[in-house]
Every structure is written in structure tokens, then in C-alpha cells.
PDB file of N, CA and C in Angstrom:
ATOM      1  N   MET A   1      33.013 -49.729 -46.408  1.00  0.00           N
ATOM      2  CA  MET A   1      32.298 -50.585 -47.327  1.00  0.00           C
ATOM      3  C   MET A   1      31.048 -51.086 -46.614  1.00  0.00           C
ATOM      4  N   ALA A   2      29.926 -50.924 -47.243  1.00  0.00           N
ATOM      5  CA  ALA A   2      28.670 -51.431 -46.675  1.00  0.00           C
ATOM      6  C   ALA A   2      28.472 -52.870 -47.143  1.00  0.00           C
ATOM      7  N   ILE A   3      28.513 -53.799 -46.200  1.00  0.00           N
ATOM      8  CA  ILE A   3      28.300 -55.207 -46.539  1.00  0.00           C
ATOM      9  C   ILE A   3      26.815 -55.388 -46.831  1.00  0.00           C
ATOM     10  N   GLY A   4      26.508 -55.908 -47.999  1.00  0.00           N
ATOM     11  CA  GLY A   4      25.107 -56.106 -48.358  1.00  0.00           C
ATOM     12  C   GLY A   4      24.418 -54.831 -48.814  1.00  0.00           C
ATOM     13  N   GLY A   5      25.189 -53.828 -49.182  1.00  0.00           N
ATOM     14  CA  GLY A   5      24.576 -52.579 -49.615  1.00  0.00           C
ATOM     15  C   GLY A   5      24.055 -51.767 -48.442  1.00  0.00           C
ATOM     16  N   PHE A   6      23.267 -50.764 -48.718  1.00  0.00           N
ATOM     17  CA  PHE A   6      22.778 -49.838 -47.689  1.00  0.00           C
ATOM     18  C   PHE A   6      21.938 -50.534 -46.632  1.00  0.00           C
ATOM     19  N   THR A   7      21.086 -51.459 -47.033  1.00  0.00           N
ATOM     20  CA  THR A   7      20.199 -52.117 -46.071  1.00  0.00           C
ATOM     21  C   THR A   7      20.707 -53.475 -45.613  1.00  0.00           C
ATOM     22  N   GLY A   8      21.782 -53.981 -46.204  1.00  0.00           N
ATOM     23  CA  GLY A   8      22.328 -55.274 -45.826  1.00  0.00           C
ATOM     24  C   GLY A   8      21.739 -56.437 -46.589  1.00  0.00           C
ATOM     25  N   GLY A   9      20.775 -56.191 -47.472  1.00  0.00           N
ATOM     26  CA  GLY A   9      20.107 -57.269 -48.175  1.00  0.00           C
ATOM     27  C   GLY A   9      20.612 -57.558 -49.578  1.00  0.00           C
ATOM     28  N   ASP A  10      21.542 -56.735 -50.068  1.00  0.00           N
ATOM     29  CA  ASP A  10      22.065 -56.953 -51.417  1.00  0.00           C
ATOM     30  C   ASP A  10      23.187 -57.992 -51.385  1.00  0.00           C
ATOM     31  N   PRO A  11      23.297 -58.831 -52.407  1.00  0.00           N
ATOM     32  CA  PRO A  11      24.326 -59.870 -52.416  1.00  0.00           C
ATOM     33  C   PRO A  11      25.701 -59.362 -52.864  1.00  0.00           C
ATOM     34  N   SER A  12      26.132 -58.268 -52.271  1.00  0.00           N
ATOM     35  CA  SER A  12      27.409 -57.684 -52.668  1.00  0.00           C
ATOM     36  C   SER A  12      28.107 -57.084 -51.455  1.00  0.00           C
ATOM     37  N   PRO A  13      29.368 -57.354 -51.248  1.00  0.00           N
ATOM     38  CA  PRO A  13      30.161 -58.313 -51.991  1.00  0.00           C
ATOM     39  C   PRO A  13      29.804 -59.741 -51.578  1.00  0.00           C
ATOM     40  N   THR A  14      30.194 -60.686 -52.386  1.00  0.00           N
ATOM     41  CA  THR A  14      29.986 -62.080 -52.002  1.00  0.00           C
ATOM     42  C   THR A  14      30.992 -62.421 -50.906  1.00  0.00           C
ATOM     43  N   LEU A  15      30.774 -63.544 -50.235  1.00  0.00           N
ATOM     44  CA  LEU A  15      31.720 -63.980 -49.214  1.00  0.00           C
ATOM     45  C   LEU A  15      33.104 -64.170 -49.827  1.00  0.00           C
ATOM     46  N   ALA A  16      33.179 -64.802 -50.981  1.00  0.00           N
ATOM     47  CA  ALA A  16      34.473 -65.027 -51.634  1.00  0.00           C
ATOM     48  C   ALA A  16      35.170 -63.701 -51.972  1.00  0.00           C
ATOM     49  N   GLN A  17      34.416 -62.721 -52.440  1.00  0.00           N
ATOM     50  CA  GLN A  17      35.002 -61.413 -52.748  1.00  0.00           C
ATOM     51  C   GLN A  17      35.521 -60.753 -51.472  1.00  0.00           C
ATOM     52  N   PHE A  18      34.721 -60.808 -50.405  1.00  0.00           N
ATOM     53  CA  PHE A  18      35.135 -60.206 -49.146  1.00  0.00           C
ATOM     54  C   PHE A  18      36.389 -60.889 -48.601  1.00  0.00           C
ATOM     55  N   GLN A  19      36.428 -62.210 -48.683  1.00  0.00           N
ATOM     56  CA  GLN A  19      37.606 -62.948 -48.229  1.00  0.00           C
ATOM     57  C   GLN A  19      38.847 -62.534 -49.030  1.00  0.00           C
ATOM     58  N   GLN A  20      38.681 -62.290 -50.308  1.00  0.00           N
ATOM     59  CA  GLN A  20      39.816 -61.853 -51.130  1.00  0.00           C
ATOM     60  C   GLN A  20      40.247 -60.439 -50.747  1.00  0.00           C
ATOM     61  N   TYR A  21      39.283 -59.554 -50.475  1.00  0.00           N
ATOM     62  CA  TYR A  21      39.623 -58.202 -50.011  1.00  0.00           C
ATOM     63  C   TYR A  21      40.458 -58.271 -48.738  1.00  0.00           C
ATOM     64  N   VAL A  22      40.067 -59.153 -47.816  1.00  0.00           N
ATOM     65  CA  VAL A  22      40.807 -59.311 -46.560  1.00  0.00           C
ATOM     66  C   VAL A  22      42.205 -59.866 -46.849  1.00  0.00           C
ATOM     67  N   ALA A  23      42.283 -60.905 -47.670  1.00  0.00           N
ATOM     68  CA  ALA A  23      43.574 -61.518 -48.005  1.00  0.00           C
ATOM     69  C   ALA A  23      44.516 -60.518 -48.675  1.00  0.00           C
ATOM     70  N   ASP A  24      43.969 -59.630 -49.481  1.00  0.00           N
ATOM     71  CA  ASP A  24      44.757 -58.617 -50.188  1.00  0.00           C
ATOM     72  C   ASP A  24      45.082 -57.408 -49.315  1.00  0.00           C
ATOM     73  N   GLY A  25      44.545 -57.358 -48.100  1.00  0.00           N
ATOM     74  CA  GLY A  25      44.784 -56.234 -47.200  1.00  0.00           C
ATOM     75  C   GLY A  25      43.960 -55.008 -47.524  1.00  0.00           C
ATOM     76  N   GLN A  26      42.921 -55.160 -48.350  1.00  0.00           N
ATOM     77  CA  GLN A  26      42.080 -54.026 -48.718  1.00  0.00           C
ATOM     78  C   GLN A  26      41.058 -53.683 -47.638  1.00  0.00           C
ATOM     79  N   VAL A  27      40.741 -54.654 -46.788  1.00  0.00           N
ATOM     80  CA  VAL A  27      39.825 -54.420 -45.670  1.00  0.00           C
ATOM     81  C   VAL A  27      40.547 -54.866 -44.411  1.00  0.00           C
ATOM     82  N   ARG A  28      40.652 -53.996 -43.426  1.00  0.00           N
ATOM     83  CA  ARG A  28      41.415 -54.305 -42.208  1.00  0.00           C
ATOM     84  C   ARG A  28      40.511 -54.518 -40.999  1.00  0.00           C
ATOM     85  N   TYR A  29      39.405 -53.778 -40.913  1.00  0.00           N
ATOM     86  CA  TYR A  29      38.525 -53.875 -39.745  1.00  0.00           C
ATOM     87  C   TYR A  29      37.098 -54.162 -40.170  1.00  0.00           C
ATOM     88  N   PHE A  30      36.379 -54.862 -39.297  1.00  0.00           N
ATOM     89  CA  PHE A  30      34.967 -55.162 -39.510  1.00  0.00           C
ATOM     90  C   PHE A  30      34.236 -54.696 -38.265  1.00  0.00           C
ATOM     91  N   ILE A  31      33.284 -53.802 -38.437  1.00  0.00           N
ATOM     92  CA  ILE A  31      32.500 -53.280 -37.316  1.00  0.00           C
ATOM     93  C   ILE A  31      31.187 -54.035 -37.275  1.00  0.00           C
ATOM     94  N   ALA A  32      30.968 -54.738 -36.162  1.00  0.00           N
ATOM     95  CA  ALA A  32      29.746 -55.525 -36.012  1.00  0.00           C
ATOM     96  C   ALA A  32      28.566 -54.597 -35.773  1.00  0.00           C
ATOM     97  N   SER A  33      27.434 -54.972 -36.342  1.00  0.00           N
ATOM     98  CA  SER A  33      26.222 -54.174 -36.184  1.00  0.00           C
ATOM     99  C   SER A  33      25.339 -54.782 -35.112  1.00  0.00           C
ATOM    100  N   ASP A  34      24.941 -53.954 -34.148  1.00  0.00           N
ATOM    101  CA  ASP A  34      24.018 -54.389 -33.108  1.00  0.00           C
ATOM    102  C   ASP A  34      22.648 -53.756 -33.301  1.00  0.00           C
ATOM    103  N   ARG A  35      22.488 -53.006 -34.370  1.00  0.00           N
ATOM    104  CA  ARG A  35      21.246 -52.262 -34.553  1.00  0.00           C
ATOM    105  C   ARG A  35      20.108 -53.178 -34.981  1.00  0.00           C
ATOM    106  N   GLU A  36      18.925 -52.727 -34.736  1.00  0.00           N
ATOM    107  CA  GLU A  36      17.733 -53.465 -35.128  1.00  0.00           C
ATOM    108  C   GLU A  36      17.473 -53.255 -36.609  1.00  0.00           C
ATOM    109  N   GLY A  37      17.132 -54.313 -37.268  1.00  0.00           N
ATOM    110  CA  GLY A  37      16.756 -54.247 -38.671  1.00  0.00           C
ATOM    111  C   GLY A  37      15.457 -55.007 -38.847  1.00  0.00           C
ATOM    112  N   PRO A  38      15.059 -55.278 -40.078  1.00  0.00           N
ATOM    113  CA  PRO A  38      13.838 -56.045 -40.305  1.00  0.00           C
ATOM    114  C   PRO A  38      13.920 -57.397 -39.616  1.00  0.00           C
ATOM    115  N   GLY A  39      12.994 -57.672 -38.751  1.00  0.00           N
ATOM    116  CA  GLY A  39      12.964 -58.953 -38.059  1.00  0.00           C
ATOM    117  C   GLY A  39      13.851 -59.033 -36.837  1.00  0.00           C
ATOM    118  N   GLY A  40      14.441 -57.930 -36.417  1.00  0.00           N
ATOM    119  CA  GLY A  40      15.268 -57.939 -35.219  1.00  0.00           C
ATOM    120  C   GLY A  40      16.735 -57.755 -35.545  1.00  0.00           C
ATOM    121  N   PRO A  41      17.596 -57.943 -34.526  1.00  0.00           N
ATOM    122  CA  PRO A  41      19.024 -57.744 -34.756  1.00  0.00           C
ATOM    123  C   PRO A  41      19.595 -58.851 -35.622  1.00  0.00           C
ATOM    124  N   GLY A  42      20.605 -58.538 -36.356  1.00  0.00           N
ATOM    125  CA  GLY A  42      21.252 -59.534 -37.207  1.00  0.00           C
ATOM    126  C   GLY A  42      22.564 -59.000 -37.704  1.00  0.00           C
ATOM    127  N   GLY A  43      22.904 -59.290 -38.939  1.00  0.00           N
ATOM    128  CA  GLY A  43      24.143 -58.791 -39.529  1.00  0.00           C
ATOM    129  C   GLY A  43      23.979 -57.341 -39.910  1.00  0.00           C
ATOM    130  N   PRO A  44      24.844 -56.842 -40.759  1.00  0.00           N
ATOM    131  CA  PRO A  44      24.723 -55.458 -41.195  1.00  0.00           C
ATOM    132  C   PRO A  44      23.329 -55.178 -41.739  1.00  0.00           C
ATOM    133  N   GLY A  45      22.757 -54.083 -41.332  1.00  0.00           N
ATOM    134  CA  GLY A  45      21.404 -53.743 -41.752  1.00  0.00           C
ATOM    135  C   GLY A  45      20.350 -54.544 -41.025  1.00  0.00           C
ATOM    136  N   GLY A  46      20.773 -55.383 -40.083  1.00  0.00           N
ATOM    137  CA  GLY A  46      19.831 -56.182 -39.320  1.00  0.00           C
ATOM    138  C   GLY A  46      19.432 -57.479 -39.999  1.00  0.00           C
ATOM    139  N   HIS A  47      20.022 -57.813 -41.131  1.00  0.00           N
ATOM    140  CA  HIS A  47      19.645 -59.019 -41.857  1.00  0.00           C
ATOM    141  C   HIS A  47      20.220 -60.257 -41.190  1.00  0.00           C
ATOM    142  N   ARG A  48      19.403 -61.307 -41.093  1.00  0.00           N
ATOM    143  CA  ARG A  48      19.809 -62.547 -40.458  1.00  0.00           C
ATOM    144  C   ARG A  48      20.201 -63.617 -41.465  1.00  0.00           C
ATOM    145  N   ASP A  49      20.064 -63.353 -42.745  1.00  0.00           N
ATOM    146  CA  ASP A  49      20.399 -64.369 -43.732  1.00  0.00           C
ATOM    147  C   ASP A  49      21.068 -63.718 -44.925  1.00  0.00           C
ATOM    148  N   GLY A  50      21.492 -64.551 -45.867  1.00  0.00           N
ATOM    149  CA  GLY A  50      22.122 -64.043 -47.078  1.00  0.00           C
ATOM    150  C   GLY A  50      23.592 -63.744 -46.891  1.00  0.00           C
ATOM    151  N   VAL A  51      24.130 -62.987 -47.827  1.00  0.00           N
ATOM    152  CA  VAL A  51      25.559 -62.699 -47.881  1.00  0.00           C
ATOM    153  C   VAL A  51      26.039 -61.958 -46.639  1.00  0.00           C
ATOM    154  N   ALA A  52      25.282 -61.000 -46.165  1.00  0.00           N
ATOM    155  CA  ALA A  52      25.701 -60.229 -44.986  1.00  0.00           C
ATOM    156  C   ALA A  52      25.892 -61.158 -43.791  1.00  0.00           C
ATOM    157  N   LYS A  53      24.990 -62.105 -43.612  1.00  0.00           N
ATOM    158  CA  LYS A  53      25.118 -63.058 -42.507  1.00  0.00           C
ATOM    159  C   LYS A  53      26.315 -63.966 -42.718  1.00  0.00           C
ATOM    160  N   ASP A  54      26.519 -64.429 -43.948  1.00  0.00           N
ATOM    161  CA  ASP A  54      27.646 -65.304 -44.251  1.00  0.00           C
ATOM    162  C   ASP A  54      28.977 -64.618 -43.934  1.00  0.00           C
ATOM    163  N   ILE A  55      29.104 -63.377 -44.318  1.00  0.00           N
ATOM    164  CA  ILE A  55      30.333 -62.621 -44.049  1.00  0.00           C
ATOM    165  C   ILE A  55      30.503 -62.400 -42.559  1.00  0.00           C
ATOM    166  N   THR A  56      29.434 -61.999 -41.881  1.00  0.00           N
ATOM    167  CA  THR A  56      29.493 -61.774 -40.442  1.00  0.00           C
ATOM    168  C   THR A  56      29.899 -63.044 -39.718  1.00  0.00           C
ATOM    169  N   THR A  57      29.308 -64.170 -40.081  1.00  0.00           N
ATOM    170  CA  THR A  57      29.632 -65.448 -39.445  1.00  0.00           C
ATOM    171  C   THR A  57      31.097 -65.808 -39.673  1.00  0.00           C
ATOM    172  N   TRP A  58      31.583 -65.645 -40.899  1.00  0.00           N
ATOM    173  CA  TRP A  58      32.980 -65.942 -41.210  1.00  0.00           C
ATOM    174  C   TRP A  58      33.917 -65.075 -40.380  1.00  0.00           C
ATOM    175  N   VAL A  59      33.609 -63.794 -40.280  1.00  0.00           N
ATOM    176  CA  VAL A  59      34.445 -62.880 -39.488  1.00  0.00           C
ATOM    177  C   VAL A  59      34.427 -63.301 -38.020  1.00  0.00           C
ATOM    178  N   GLU A  60      33.243 -63.557 -37.470  1.00  0.00           N
ATOM    179  CA  GLU A  60      33.129 -63.942 -36.057  1.00  0.00           C
ATOM    180  C   GLU A  60      33.898 -65.222 -35.744  1.00  0.00           C
ATOM    181  N   GLN A  61      33.920 -66.150 -36.675  1.00  0.00           N
ATOM    182  CA  GLN A  61      34.567 -67.443 -36.455  1.00  0.00           C
ATOM    183  C   GLN A  61      36.080 -67.415 -36.662  1.00  0.00           C
ATOM    184  N   ASN A  62      36.586 -66.390 -37.328  1.00  0.00           N
ATOM    185  CA  ASN A  62      37.989 -66.419 -37.722  1.00  0.00           C
ATOM    186  C   ASN A  62      38.865 -65.281 -37.218  1.00  0.00           C
ATOM    187  N   PHE A  63      38.273 -64.255 -36.618  1.00  0.00           N
ATOM    188  CA  PHE A  63      39.072 -63.105 -36.237  1.00  0.00           C
ATOM    189  C   PHE A  63      38.807 -62.685 -34.799  1.00  0.00           C
ATOM    190  N   ILE A  64      39.783 -62.007 -34.226  1.00  0.00           N
ATOM    191  CA  ILE A  64      39.721 -61.569 -32.844  1.00  0.00           C
ATOM    192  C   ILE A  64      38.905 -60.288 -32.741  1.00  0.00           C
ATOM    193  N   LYS A  65      37.988 -60.278 -31.780  1.00  0.00           N
ATOM    194  CA  LYS A  65      37.154 -59.090 -31.596  1.00  0.00           C
ATOM    195  C   LYS A  65      37.652 -58.266 -30.418  1.00  0.00           C
ATOM    196  N   SER A  66      37.340 -56.991 -30.486  1.00  0.00           N
ATOM    197  CA  SER A  66      37.663 -56.039 -29.425  1.00  0.00           C
ATOM    198  C   SER A  66      36.462 -55.153 -29.202  1.00  0.00           C
ATOM    199  N   ASP A  67      36.381 -54.609 -28.000  1.00  0.00           N
ATOM    200  CA  ASP A  67      35.343 -53.636 -27.689  1.00  0.00           C
ATOM    201  C   ASP A  67      35.977 -52.250 -27.808  1.00  0.00           C
ATOM    202  N   VAL A  68      35.411 -51.429 -28.671  1.00  0.00           N
ATOM    203  CA  VAL A  68      35.914 -50.069 -28.860  1.00  0.00           C
ATOM    204  C   VAL A  68      34.762 -49.123 -28.565  1.00  0.00           C
ATOM    205  N   GLY A  69      34.750 -48.563 -27.379  1.00  0.00           N
ATOM    206  CA  GLY A  69      33.696 -47.627 -27.000  1.00  0.00           C
ATOM    207  C   GLY A  69      32.300 -48.230 -27.061  1.00  0.00           C
ATOM    208  N   GLY A  70      32.182 -49.514 -26.715  1.00  0.00           N
ATOM    209  CA  GLY A  70      30.882 -50.170 -26.730  1.00  0.00           C
ATOM    210  C   GLY A  70      30.499 -50.778 -28.069  1.00  0.00           C
ATOM    211  N   THR A  71      31.391 -50.713 -29.040  1.00  0.00           N
ATOM    212  CA  THR A  71      31.151 -51.285 -30.364  1.00  0.00           C
ATOM    213  C   THR A  71      32.110 -52.451 -30.574  1.00  0.00           C
ATOM    214  N   THR A  72      31.604 -53.556 -31.099  1.00  0.00           N
ATOM    215  CA  THR A  72      32.449 -54.710 -31.390  1.00  0.00           C
ATOM    216  C   THR A  72      33.149 -54.502 -32.721  1.00  0.00           C
ATOM    217  N   VAL A  73      34.483 -54.574 -32.691  1.00  0.00           N
ATOM    218  CA  VAL A  73      35.302 -54.379 -33.879  1.00  0.00           C
ATOM    219  C   VAL A  73      36.218 -55.593 -34.023  1.00  0.00           C
ATOM    220  N   TYR A  74      36.259 -56.143 -35.228  1.00  0.00           N
ATOM    221  CA  TYR A  74      37.147 -57.268 -35.527  1.00  0.00           C
ATOM    222  C   TYR A  74      38.335 -56.765 -36.320  1.00  0.00           C
ATOM    223  N   ASP A  75      39.533 -57.142 -35.878  1.00  0.00           N
ATOM    224  CA  ASP A  75      40.762 -56.809 -36.580  1.00  0.00           C
ATOM    225  C   ASP A  75      41.031 -57.943 -37.562  1.00  0.00           C
ATOM    226  N   LEU A  76      40.859 -57.696 -38.840  1.00  0.00           N
ATOM    227  CA  LEU A  76      40.961 -58.733 -39.858  1.00  0.00           C
ATOM    228  C   LEU A  76      42.397 -59.125 -40.170  1.00  0.00           C
ATOM    229  N   ALA A  77      43.357 -58.557 -39.459  1.00  0.00           N
ATOM    230  CA  ALA A  77      44.743 -58.974 -39.573  1.00  0.00           C
ATOM    231  C   ALA A  77      45.116 -59.906 -38.419  1.00  0.00           C
ATOM    232  N   ARG A  78      44.190 -60.104 -37.472  1.00  0.00           N
ATOM    233  CA  ARG A  78      44.452 -60.943 -36.289  1.00  0.00           C
ATOM    234  C   ARG A  78      43.529 -62.157 -36.328  1.00  0.00           C
ATOM    235  N   VAL A  79      44.017 -63.247 -36.875  1.00  0.00           N
ATOM    236  CA  VAL A  79      43.251 -64.480 -36.995  1.00  0.00           C
ATOM    237  C   VAL A  79      43.226 -65.194 -35.649  1.00  0.00           C
ATOM    238  N   THR A  80      42.061 -65.766 -35.320  1.00  0.00           N
ATOM    239  CA  THR A  80      41.973 -66.540 -34.085  1.00  0.00           C
ATOM    240  C   THR A  80      42.789 -67.812 -34.223  1.00  0.00           C
ATOM    241  N   THR A  81      43.254 -68.332 -33.124  1.00  0.00           N
ATOM    242  CA  THR A  81      43.999 -69.591 -33.141  1.00  0.00           C
ATOM    243  C   THR A  81      43.093 -70.665 -32.579  1.00  0.00           C
ATOM    244  N   ARG A  82      42.526 -71.455 -33.472  1.00  0.00           N
ATOM    245  CA  ARG A  82      41.611 -72.532 -33.062  1.00  0.00           C
ATOM    246  C   ARG A  82      42.191 -73.850 -33.446  1.00  0.00           C
TER     247      ARG A  82
END
């Protein structure tokens, strides 16, 4: 699933929709994007604001990350204990 569409700037899915996908077990992993986008690195597609950023921030704050071959991957079934 491309968060924010192909370029990361589309408001789909919303944060609430993504959270429901995770709760329903429809999405298990989140691959963090380190690539450059418009204005520098950011969320998926390089976007630093909007829905893609909101989802990325929520994932970073709530789930455990792992390094898989140099790529940051979040396991959405493993909630952080804060």
C-alpha cells in the first residue's frame, strides 16, 4: 500500500483509516522511507507534512522498529511499551 499515493502527497489513506487497517490486521509492516523527495527527506515520497507524515509519526511513536538490510521496518503487531 502506498501511503499518500504514488508521490506521498495524496490524503489517502487517512490516519484513522490506516489505524483501522492495522487494528484489523490488514497491514502488518511499515517500511520507512529514507529517500529524497520534494524539499528533502521526509515521509513516504519525501513529504514532510500531511497524511503521510501523520501516519509515519504515529507508526514511529507506537511500534518497534528493526533494521532489515539497511532499511527501517516497523512491525505493526509489536507495540512499544511506553
